[in-house]
Amino acid sequence: MLKKIIPVFLFCTVLCVLGACSGENQAAKKIKIGDPAPEFSGTDLNGQPVSLAGYLGKPVVLRFWSTDCKFCRADTPIFNQYFEKYKDAGLRVVYVNRHSDEATVHQFVDDLDIVFPVLIDKDGMISARYNIKLEPQTIIISPDHKILAAILGGVSEDELKNLLGEYLSKK
């Protein structure tokens, strides 16, 4: 009986150790409220460089979206209006798309008159750094580049006000 239990115990122990190792790697990729925002950079649809480092001292709304997302279509006007209202106070908004081809993204941007930088995350590196699995997801980043919030789904102007108001009213 003991001869049967020892191999099973060893097998289970090895699985647990391997599972813990892989779980540790997964946990390292997750970000939490208060964590430093992972650096990102890219070139927007207009050929301009965009990076988080370039926005130091400014609050940033980082929106991961897709062209076939109903929430993205519905709340993009809110992001446009909020950006227009607070860009002079330092607000920065960056849209990141990882699933659509450039022509489809351009059409979406034109249809909705998006006025802030739009990046295409072709290699998925930006999405991976923020552990994005579903869209839309909005990451709110403080001026000192700490994660303030991660919102899955649509976003309202009230949510943006509640999360960013203290950083925009001082200006």
Foldseek 3Di string as FASTA:
>chain_A
DVVVVVVVVVVVVVVVVVVVVVVVVVVVLEADFFAFQDWDWDAFPVRHIDIVVVLAQAKEKEWEAELPDPLCLVCLVVVQVVCVVQVVLRYAYEYEYAPDDPVSVVVSCVVNVRDHTYYYPPVCPNCSSNVDDDPGWIWIAHSNRGTHDIDHGHDHNVNVCVRCVVSRVVD
